[in-house]
Structures are given as C-alpha cells and as structure tokens.
Amino acid sequence: MEVTTLDAIPVSVPKATALRTGGSTASTAGSASFDHVLVRAETAGGVTGYGEVAPHPDWPNSGTQSTVRSVIESEFAPVVEGRRAAHVARLTEELDRTVASQPFARAGVDAALYDAFGKHVGEPTYELLGGPTNTDRSLPLHYTIGIKDPEEVREEASAAAADGFRAFKLKVGADERSADCRRLEAVRDACPDARIRVDANGTWSAGESVRAIRELNEAAQGIVFVEQPVPHDDRSGLRRVREAVEPSVMADEGCYTPGDVATLAGTDAVDAINIKPAKAGGLSGAKRVAATAAAHNLPCYIGGMLELSVGAAAAAHFALATPERAYPTGLLNADADGSLVENPDRWNAAGPSFTVPDEPGMGIAVDADAVERYRVD
C-alpha cells in the first residue's frame, strides 16, 4: 500500500454552460473551461487512486491551477511518497503542517489516498468514513440555478420540477434586487411547493443583506435559508443578519475549519454550515468539521466546488457517511462538455436523488485517453 508516485495533472474540460453567481462577473462566469487538477496516487501494489482539485482563485486559500500543481508536486509528493495510503488521515495532517494555506490541493491528495485505500481493501470510500447513513445509499439533491433572465429561470425550474426536483438553490446578488425577486417569483410559479434557498456568495454588506433577504423572502413566499450573505471575514455582520431576518442563515466561504465552526457557533452567527471537502482539506478534515458542528448542534449541508466526476464522487461518499447532513446536497452540478471518467452516466443525476456506487474506492474509472486529451501541460 505504499505510495510510489504522486502526480498532479492539469486539465481543462470544456463547459457546456456556465454558472453565474453573486461573486462573479458575467465574464468570469462565462469562462470556457473547467481548469482543474487531477491527482493520481500510484501504489506499490499496482493500485491507483484519484482525486480532483477545482481551484477558484476568488475563494480564500483556493489557489490557481498552476499553484495547486506546484504545491502537490514540490511540497506534498515528498511527504506522501513512500508512505502507506491507509494512513491517509495522518498524512493529510502532515500536509497541513507542510503548507497550511492550500486546503484545496490537500483535499485532492486526500481523496486520491482514500480511493487507493478503498480499492486495496475492496471497500467503497463511504465505508472507510464510518459507513452509509441509509441502506439504499441514496442522496437527496437540490437543483441549482445561476443568475440569468427570469424567463429562463422559469423554464429551467419548470423542467426541473417535471423531473421531480422540489429543492432549489438560486444564486443572487449580481444585479438589481428587483431582478432577484423576479427570479424567485418565477421558481415559485413554476413549482408552488418548492423549498427555495438563496446564495449571495458574500456579495452584500450586513445592512444590505437584511434589506435584501426581507424582500427576497417576501417575493419567494418563504425562503428556507440564505447562504453566505456577507463577505467571508465579516462574522459580526453574519450574526447581525441572522438576528434580523426570518430565514435561516448558513456560512460557506466563512467556514473552512473546526475552529471556524466553533467560533461561528460560539457567537450565534449561523444556523447551519456548508461543508465542502475542498475547504476542509479533504475527507479527513471534513469529518472533523462535521464532528465539531455536531458538538455545537449545527446541522450541515454538503456542497462542492463544481468538481467534475472525480471530485464529485469524493464529496458524495462523504455526504453519504455524514449523519449531520440535514439538507439536500449541492453535488453533481458541474455542466461539462466532456468527462475524465469511463462511466460518466454513473455521475449524471437525472432527478432529485442519487445513488452512490458501492464499488471499491470512489467507484470511478478514469479514462486515460480523456485525461491525455484534456491535459494542458
């Protein structure tokens, strides 16, 4: 089980559509490709594990495609090579001490080690994380809608409702509030019993958040929760918003570590947190974040960073093994015009529920030809 080689392969997979958010401009949301990094861990026993990093340079401590690759190859590989993949939790702690400012890169290595470990022992990754939280291995999903024309939102929400979706997440905050209100009204018209959540991606100040959320809540005839309304480092603002509005408030960009959870809970700043393995430095770190949330009676939502199938698989296994999960997940949302795996249909959700595969490791089969086709080094 010793890791012989740890590689970081930069890939650019074309987008089919782009997701515009409150924290993006039309130009950045319209980028033509997913510029990610595929992590490959080869072992002495002939088993290869895979992970994926989806850098978002606008996010705290995300890195870029080039910095992620550099950190993995120059800093992380010397620590991991020659060590046992089964010691993944200890290894990722060492990687954190090596370069603490690169949790996204660390998460990709962590996932590759879990994939290799699971394949070696013949168990799916969720078993290594504590076992599934339900016997049918199903995950409830929500449907995400980016910022676009209200009529487009109506059409998209109608199609999603026809496919069975009842939980919707809308991006807000990129333009006039009246436009956001019309988008929410369109979803409510298309699906009267929709559970609607909104995500501002840290766009507003605390005062703006209170005014906006009150208007959006009225337009939507009730919002389930609002995610990260204020900038990631404005914890006092987050608490102010929570105290002033009716919908629940969730932290995302402002919550990476167990310490972040404890601080947010201790100041009564949030009602829930969004756990993403990328932010937590991998599945090992995400488990610690979830345990801390449970200790503070905070429910969790499991999200992703628009990873492709490899990264989405890791987050799905974590979500299945996480009892603190209290909301439909935001996984499997990346709309790519291409795939890195041989079985892409296994990772395309056609409705509001997804069944996590029970093959060893992550249940993915990486397509070597596709990797060569999309690699950009």
Protein backbone atom coordinates (compact mmCIF):
# COMPACT_ATOMS: atom_id res chain seq x y z
CA MET A 1 0.00 0.00 0.00
CA GLU A 2 2.99 2.35 -0.17
CA VAL A 3 2.53 5.29 -2.49
CA THR A 4 5.24 5.19 -5.13
CA THR A 5 4.24 8.26 -7.17
CA LEU A 6 2.01 11.26 -6.54
CA ASP A 7 1.20 13.24 -9.69
CA ALA A 8 -0.76 16.44 -10.35
CA ILE A 9 -2.16 16.65 -13.89
CA PRO A 10 -3.64 19.98 -15.05
CA VAL A 11 -6.72 19.50 -17.22
CA SER A 12 -9.12 21.87 -18.97
CA VAL A 13 -12.51 20.37 -19.75
CA PRO A 14 -14.89 22.50 -21.85
CA LYS A 15 -18.01 23.85 -20.17
CA ALA A 16 -21.44 23.18 -21.61
CA THR A 17 -22.92 26.06 -19.62
CA ALA A 18 -21.53 28.47 -17.01
CA LEU A 19 -22.92 29.26 -13.57
CA ARG A 20 -23.06 32.99 -12.81
CA THR A 21 -23.03 33.83 -9.10
CA GLY A 22 -23.22 36.89 -6.91
CA GLY A 23 -19.47 36.78 -6.51
CA SER A 24 -18.71 36.57 -10.23
CA THR A 25 -18.97 38.83 -13.21
CA ALA A 26 -20.55 37.81 -16.46
CA SER A 27 -17.08 37.49 -17.99
CA THR A 28 -15.63 35.21 -15.30
CA ALA A 29 -18.79 33.10 -15.15
CA GLY A 30 -18.54 32.72 -18.91
CA SER A 31 -15.07 31.15 -18.89
CA ALA A 32 -14.90 28.39 -21.45
CA SER A 33 -13.49 25.53 -19.41
CA PHE A 34 -13.12 23.85 -16.03
CA ASP A 35 -9.42 24.33 -15.31
CA HIS A 36 -8.87 21.66 -12.69
CA VAL A 37 -6.10 19.37 -11.44
CA LEU A 38 -6.36 15.57 -11.46
CA VAL A 39 -4.37 13.98 -8.63
CA ARG A 40 -3.01 10.46 -9.19
CA ALA A 41 -1.53 8.29 -6.43
CA GLU A 42 0.14 5.08 -7.64
CA THR A 43 0.98 2.35 -5.13
CA ALA A 44 3.49 -0.47 -4.98
CA GLY A 45 0.65 -2.98 -5.17
CA GLY A 46 -0.44 -1.71 -8.58
CA VAL A 47 -3.49 0.17 -7.29
CA THR A 48 -4.02 3.76 -8.47
CA GLY A 49 -6.17 6.27 -6.62
CA TYR A 50 -7.55 9.51 -8.00
CA GLY A 51 -8.62 12.85 -6.60
CA GLU A 52 -9.53 16.18 -8.15
CA VAL A 53 -8.92 19.83 -7.30
CA ALA A 54 -11.24 22.55 -8.61
CA PRO A 55 -9.42 25.83 -7.92
CA HIS A 56 -11.47 29.01 -7.56
CA PRO A 57 -8.99 31.89 -7.36
CA ASP A 58 -11.63 34.25 -5.92
CA TRP A 59 -12.05 31.96 -2.89
CA PRO A 60 -9.85 32.23 0.20
CA ASN A 61 -6.94 29.75 0.15
CA SER A 62 -8.05 28.13 -3.10
CA GLY A 63 -5.02 28.66 -5.27
CA THR A 64 -4.88 28.51 -9.05
CA GLN A 65 -4.38 25.54 -11.33
CA SER A 66 -0.65 26.27 -11.52
CA THR A 67 -0.14 26.85 -7.78
CA VAL A 68 -2.11 23.73 -6.89
CA ARG A 69 0.03 21.63 -9.22
CA SER A 70 3.22 23.16 -7.90
CA VAL A 71 2.32 22.59 -4.24
CA ILE A 72 1.33 18.97 -4.82
CA GLU A 73 4.44 18.08 -6.80
CA SER A 74 7.04 20.07 -4.88
CA GLU A 75 5.69 20.08 -1.30
CA PHE A 76 3.19 17.24 -0.88
CA ALA A 77 4.71 14.46 -3.01
CA PRO A 78 7.90 14.23 -0.88
CA VAL A 79 5.73 13.75 2.21
CA VAL A 80 3.39 11.15 0.72
CA GLU A 81 5.65 9.03 -1.48
CA GLY A 82 6.95 6.00 0.38
CA ARG A 83 4.11 6.19 2.93
CA ARG A 84 1.05 3.94 3.23
CA ALA A 85 -2.20 5.16 1.70
CA ALA A 86 -4.02 3.58 4.65
CA HIS A 87 -2.55 6.32 6.86
CA VAL A 88 -4.43 8.98 4.91
CA ALA A 89 -5.75 10.90 7.93
CA ARG A 90 -2.29 11.20 9.47
CA LEU A 91 -0.73 12.11 6.13
CA THR A 92 -3.17 14.94 5.47
CA GLU A 93 -2.43 16.33 8.93
CA GLU A 94 1.25 16.37 7.98
CA LEU A 95 0.41 18.07 4.69
CA ASP A 96 -1.48 20.72 6.62
CA ARG A 97 1.62 21.40 8.67
CA THR A 98 3.70 21.49 5.49
CA VAL A 99 1.58 24.09 3.65
CA ALA A 100 -1.43 25.16 5.71
CA SER A 101 -2.63 27.70 3.16
CA GLN A 102 -3.52 25.12 0.48
CA PRO A 103 -6.58 23.12 1.66
CA PHE A 104 -7.90 22.63 -1.89
CA ALA A 105 -4.66 20.98 -3.01
CA ARG A 106 -4.58 18.90 0.16
CA ALA A 107 -8.14 17.74 -0.49
CA GLY A 108 -7.18 16.35 -3.88
CA VAL A 109 -4.34 14.31 -2.38
CA ASP A 110 -6.57 13.14 0.48
CA ALA A 111 -9.22 11.88 -1.97
CA ALA A 112 -6.64 10.04 -4.10
CA LEU A 113 -5.33 8.26 -0.99
CA TYR A 114 -8.83 7.28 0.13
CA ASP A 115 -9.59 5.98 -3.37
CA ALA A 116 -6.41 3.87 -3.40
CA PHE A 117 -7.02 2.61 0.14
CA GLY A 118 -10.60 1.61 -0.65
CA LYS A 119 -9.59 -0.19 -3.83
CA HIS A 120 -6.85 -2.06 -1.96
CA VAL A 121 -9.16 -3.37 0.78
CA GLY A 122 -12.15 -3.84 -1.54
CA GLU A 123 -14.42 -1.35 0.22
CA PRO A 124 -16.20 1.79 -1.01
CA THR A 125 -14.89 5.01 0.47
CA TYR A 126 -18.05 5.67 2.47
CA GLU A 127 -17.32 2.51 4.48
CA LEU A 128 -13.91 3.90 5.40
CA LEU A 129 -15.62 7.10 6.59
CA GLY A 130 -17.92 5.32 9.03
CA GLY A 131 -20.47 3.63 6.81
CA PRO A 132 -23.57 4.81 4.92
CA THR A 133 -26.31 6.70 6.74
CA ASN A 134 -29.02 4.80 4.85
CA THR A 135 -29.26 1.32 3.39
CA ASP A 136 -30.12 2.33 -0.18
CA ARG A 137 -27.06 4.65 -0.44
CA SER A 138 -29.25 7.49 -1.77
CA LEU A 139 -28.54 11.21 -1.51
CA PRO A 140 -31.28 13.84 -1.94
CA LEU A 141 -30.23 16.58 -4.35
CA HIS A 142 -31.28 20.15 -4.93
CA TYR A 143 -31.36 21.95 -8.28
CA THR A 144 -29.05 24.95 -8.66
CA ILE A 145 -29.95 27.91 -10.88
CA GLY A 146 -27.44 30.63 -11.66
CA ILE A 147 -28.15 34.29 -12.27
CA LYS A 148 -29.96 34.63 -15.57
CA ASP A 149 -33.06 36.15 -17.17
CA PRO A 150 -36.22 35.47 -15.08
CA GLU A 151 -37.96 33.80 -18.02
CA GLU A 152 -35.01 31.45 -18.43
CA VAL A 153 -35.24 30.72 -14.72
CA ARG A 154 -38.94 29.91 -15.07
CA GLU A 155 -38.31 27.49 -17.94
CA GLU A 156 -35.41 25.81 -16.14
CA ALA A 157 -37.33 25.49 -12.88
CA SER A 158 -40.36 24.06 -14.70
CA ALA A 159 -38.21 21.41 -16.37
CA ALA A 160 -36.51 20.56 -13.07
CA ALA A 161 -39.88 20.31 -11.29
CA ALA A 162 -41.09 17.95 -14.02
CA ASP A 163 -38.05 15.77 -13.25
CA GLY A 164 -39.11 15.64 -9.61
CA PHE A 165 -36.99 18.37 -8.00
CA ARG A 166 -38.61 20.24 -5.12
CA ALA A 167 -35.48 21.79 -3.54
CA PHE A 168 -33.99 24.75 -5.42
CA LYS A 169 -30.92 26.89 -4.79
CA LEU A 170 -30.72 30.24 -6.55
CA LYS A 171 -27.68 32.44 -6.89
CA VAL A 172 -28.43 36.08 -6.07
CA GLY A 173 -26.69 39.41 -5.64
CA ALA A 174 -25.09 40.12 -9.02
CA ASP A 175 -27.52 42.79 -10.19
CA GLU A 176 -30.60 44.72 -9.08
CA ARG A 177 -32.61 43.25 -6.23
CA SER A 178 -35.82 43.53 -8.25
CA ALA A 179 -34.34 41.08 -10.77
CA ASP A 180 -33.53 38.62 -7.98
CA CYS A 181 -37.12 38.96 -6.75
CA ARG A 182 -38.47 38.17 -10.21
CA ARG A 183 -36.28 35.07 -10.41
CA LEU A 184 -37.58 33.80 -7.09
CA GLU A 185 -41.16 34.50 -8.14
CA ALA A 186 -40.52 32.54 -11.32
CA VAL A 187 -39.38 29.49 -9.36
CA ARG A 188 -42.38 29.71 -7.04
CA ASP A 189 -44.71 29.97 -10.05
CA ALA A 190 -43.06 27.01 -11.74
CA CYS A 191 -43.05 24.87 -8.59
CA PRO A 192 -45.52 26.09 -5.92
CA ASP A 193 -44.27 23.65 -3.29
CA ALA A 194 -40.56 24.40 -3.90
CA ARG A 195 -38.12 24.66 -0.99
CA ILE A 196 -36.11 27.68 -2.08
CA ARG A 197 -32.64 28.60 -0.82
CA VAL A 198 -30.57 31.58 -1.97
CA ASP A 199 -26.80 32.04 -2.06
CA ALA A 200 -25.28 35.53 -2.26
CA ASN A 201 -21.63 34.34 -2.19
CA GLY A 202 -20.66 37.13 0.20
CA THR A 203 -21.89 39.91 -2.08
CA TRP A 204 -23.69 42.20 0.40
CA SER A 205 -22.84 44.19 3.50
CA ALA A 206 -24.77 43.33 6.66
CA GLY A 207 -27.21 46.18 6.17
CA GLU A 208 -27.75 45.33 2.51
CA SER A 209 -28.25 41.69 3.45
CA VAL A 210 -31.04 42.43 5.89
CA ARG A 211 -32.93 44.56 3.37
CA ALA A 212 -32.34 42.14 0.51
CA ILE A 213 -33.30 38.99 2.43
CA ARG A 214 -36.54 40.53 3.67
CA GLU A 215 -37.52 41.47 0.11
CA LEU A 216 -36.47 38.12 -1.34
CA ASN A 217 -38.27 36.22 1.39
CA GLU A 218 -41.48 38.05 0.55
CA ALA A 219 -41.05 37.56 -3.19
CA ALA A 220 -40.41 33.84 -2.76
CA GLN A 221 -43.25 33.43 -0.26
CA GLY A 222 -40.72 31.96 2.11
CA ILE A 223 -37.02 31.08 1.84
CA VAL A 224 -35.62 28.05 3.64
CA PHE A 225 -32.21 29.63 4.20
CA VAL A 226 -29.79 32.21 2.86
CA GLU A 227 -26.17 31.20 2.33
CA GLN A 228 -23.18 33.47 2.98
CA PRO A 229 -24.87 36.85 2.56
CA VAL A 230 -21.83 38.87 3.78
CA PRO A 231 -18.09 38.64 3.00
CA HIS A 232 -16.30 35.61 4.41
CA ASP A 233 -14.45 37.55 7.12
CA ASP A 234 -17.46 39.54 8.43
CA ARG A 235 -18.57 37.29 11.27
CA SER A 236 -20.15 40.11 13.26
CA GLY A 237 -22.13 41.03 10.16
CA LEU A 238 -23.25 37.44 9.77
CA ARG A 239 -24.59 37.46 13.32
CA ARG A 240 -26.34 40.77 12.73
CA VAL A 241 -28.07 39.33 9.67
CA ARG A 242 -29.12 36.17 11.49
CA GLU A 243 -30.69 38.19 14.30
CA ALA A 244 -32.64 40.41 11.89
CA VAL A 245 -34.14 38.06 9.29
CA GLU A 246 -36.61 35.21 9.30
CA PRO A 247 -34.85 32.63 7.05
CA SER A 248 -32.04 30.54 8.49
CA VAL A 249 -28.50 31.73 7.76
CA MET A 250 -25.70 29.45 6.59
CA ALA A 251 -21.95 30.03 6.38
CA ASP A 252 -19.93 28.80 3.39
CA GLU A 253 -16.94 30.94 2.37
CA GLY A 254 -16.61 31.93 6.03
CA CYS A 255 -16.34 28.37 7.38
CA TYR A 256 -13.37 26.15 6.49
CA THR A 257 -12.13 24.50 9.69
CA PRO A 258 -13.37 23.06 13.00
CA GLY A 259 -12.13 26.28 14.62
CA ASP A 260 -14.34 28.31 12.26
CA VAL A 261 -17.33 26.19 13.25
CA ALA A 262 -16.64 26.68 16.95
CA THR A 263 -16.28 30.45 16.53
CA LEU A 264 -19.46 30.80 14.47
CA ALA A 265 -21.42 28.65 16.91
CA GLY A 266 -20.00 30.42 19.95
CA THR A 267 -21.13 33.81 18.64
CA ASP A 268 -24.56 32.58 17.47
CA ALA A 269 -23.71 33.78 13.98
CA VAL A 270 -25.30 30.97 11.93
CA ASP A 271 -28.00 28.32 11.90
CA ALA A 272 -26.08 25.86 9.71
CA ILE A 273 -22.80 25.40 7.83
CA ASN A 274 -21.84 24.30 4.35
CA ILE A 275 -19.15 21.61 4.48
CA LYS A 276 -17.06 21.15 1.36
CA PRO A 277 -14.17 18.67 1.40
CA ALA A 278 -12.12 21.15 -0.64
CA LYS A 279 -12.38 23.82 2.07
CA ALA A 280 -11.67 21.34 4.85
CA GLY A 281 -8.54 19.95 3.19
CA GLY A 282 -10.18 16.65 2.23
CA LEU A 283 -12.46 13.97 3.57
CA SER A 284 -10.39 13.59 6.74
CA GLY A 285 -10.72 17.28 7.54
CA ALA A 286 -14.38 17.36 6.53
CA LYS A 287 -15.12 14.62 9.07
CA ARG A 288 -13.58 16.79 11.79
CA VAL A 289 -15.63 19.79 10.68
CA ALA A 290 -18.82 17.71 10.77
CA ALA A 291 -17.99 16.34 14.23
CA THR A 292 -17.42 19.87 15.54
CA ALA A 293 -20.72 21.00 14.05
CA ALA A 294 -22.49 18.10 15.73
CA ALA A 295 -20.93 19.05 19.07
CA HIS A 296 -22.45 22.52 18.65
CA ASN A 297 -25.83 21.23 17.40
CA LEU A 298 -25.33 22.83 13.99
CA PRO A 299 -26.85 20.99 11.01
CA CYS A 300 -24.77 20.64 7.86
CA TYR A 301 -25.21 20.95 4.15
CA ILE A 302 -22.69 19.18 1.88
CA GLY A 303 -21.60 21.23 -1.11
CA GLY A 304 -19.00 21.14 -3.83
CA MET A 305 -16.79 23.48 -5.85
CA LEU A 306 -18.16 22.45 -9.26
CA GLU A 307 -15.82 19.50 -9.37
CA LEU A 308 -16.17 17.06 -12.24
CA SER A 309 -16.96 13.38 -11.64
CA VAL A 310 -13.77 12.53 -9.74
CA GLY A 311 -14.15 15.31 -7.20
CA ALA A 312 -17.92 14.96 -7.01
CA ALA A 313 -17.50 11.27 -6.21
CA ALA A 314 -15.37 12.08 -3.16
CA ALA A 315 -17.91 14.59 -1.84
CA ALA A 316 -20.78 12.15 -2.47
CA HIS A 317 -19.10 9.42 -0.42
CA PHE A 318 -18.53 11.92 2.39
CA ALA A 319 -22.14 13.11 2.24
CA LEU A 320 -23.46 9.54 2.42
CA ALA A 321 -21.36 8.85 5.53
CA THR A 322 -22.27 12.11 7.32
CA PRO A 323 -25.19 11.87 9.79
CA GLU A 324 -25.10 15.64 10.41
CA ARG A 325 -26.28 16.24 6.84
CA ALA A 326 -29.68 17.91 7.09
CA TYR A 327 -30.36 19.30 3.60
CA PRO A 328 -30.32 18.02 0.01
CA THR A 329 -26.78 18.27 -1.31
CA GLY A 330 -25.33 20.59 -3.93
CA LEU A 331 -23.23 17.97 -5.69
CA LEU A 332 -23.16 16.91 -9.34
CA ASN A 333 -23.84 20.44 -10.60
CA ALA A 334 -20.90 20.89 -12.97
CA ASP A 335 -22.16 21.07 -16.56
CA ALA A 336 -19.18 19.96 -18.62
CA ASP A 337 -18.90 19.19 -22.30
CA GLY A 338 -16.61 16.24 -21.67
CA SER A 339 -15.60 13.81 -18.95
CA LEU A 340 -12.48 12.37 -17.33
CA VAL A 341 -14.13 9.03 -16.47
CA GLU A 342 -15.20 5.97 -18.43
CA ASN A 343 -18.60 5.82 -16.74
CA PRO A 344 -19.89 9.41 -16.86
CA ASP A 345 -23.55 8.35 -16.79
CA ARG A 346 -22.98 6.99 -13.29
CA TRP A 347 -22.31 10.56 -12.15
CA ASN A 348 -25.05 12.40 -14.01
CA ALA A 349 -28.07 12.87 -11.76
CA ALA A 350 -31.31 12.73 -13.75
CA GLY A 351 -33.55 13.55 -10.79
CA PRO A 352 -33.67 14.65 -7.15
CA SER A 353 -31.94 11.56 -5.80
CA PHE A 354 -28.56 9.98 -6.49
CA THR A 355 -27.31 6.53 -5.51
CA VAL A 356 -23.65 6.38 -4.52
CA PRO A 357 -21.89 3.42 -6.20
CA ASP A 358 -20.75 0.57 -3.97
CA GLU A 359 -17.61 -0.39 -5.93
CA PRO A 360 -14.30 -0.22 -4.07
CA GLY A 361 -12.83 3.24 -3.59
CA MET A 362 -14.78 6.09 -5.11
CA GLY A 363 -16.42 3.91 -7.74
CA ILE A 364 -14.83 5.82 -10.62
CA ALA A 365 -12.90 4.56 -13.62
CA VAL A 366 -10.66 7.30 -15.01
CA ASP A 367 -10.43 7.38 -18.81
CA ALA A 368 -6.71 7.61 -19.59
CA ASP A 369 -7.38 8.74 -23.17
CA ALA A 370 -9.63 11.55 -21.95
CA VAL A 371 -7.01 12.68 -19.46
CA GLU A 372 -4.43 12.95 -22.24
CA ARG A 373 -6.94 14.77 -24.43
CA TYR A 374 -7.74 17.42 -21.80
CA ARG A 375 -4.38 17.83 -20.07
CA VAL A 376 -2.80 21.22 -20.65
CA ASP A 377 0.86 20.91 -19.56
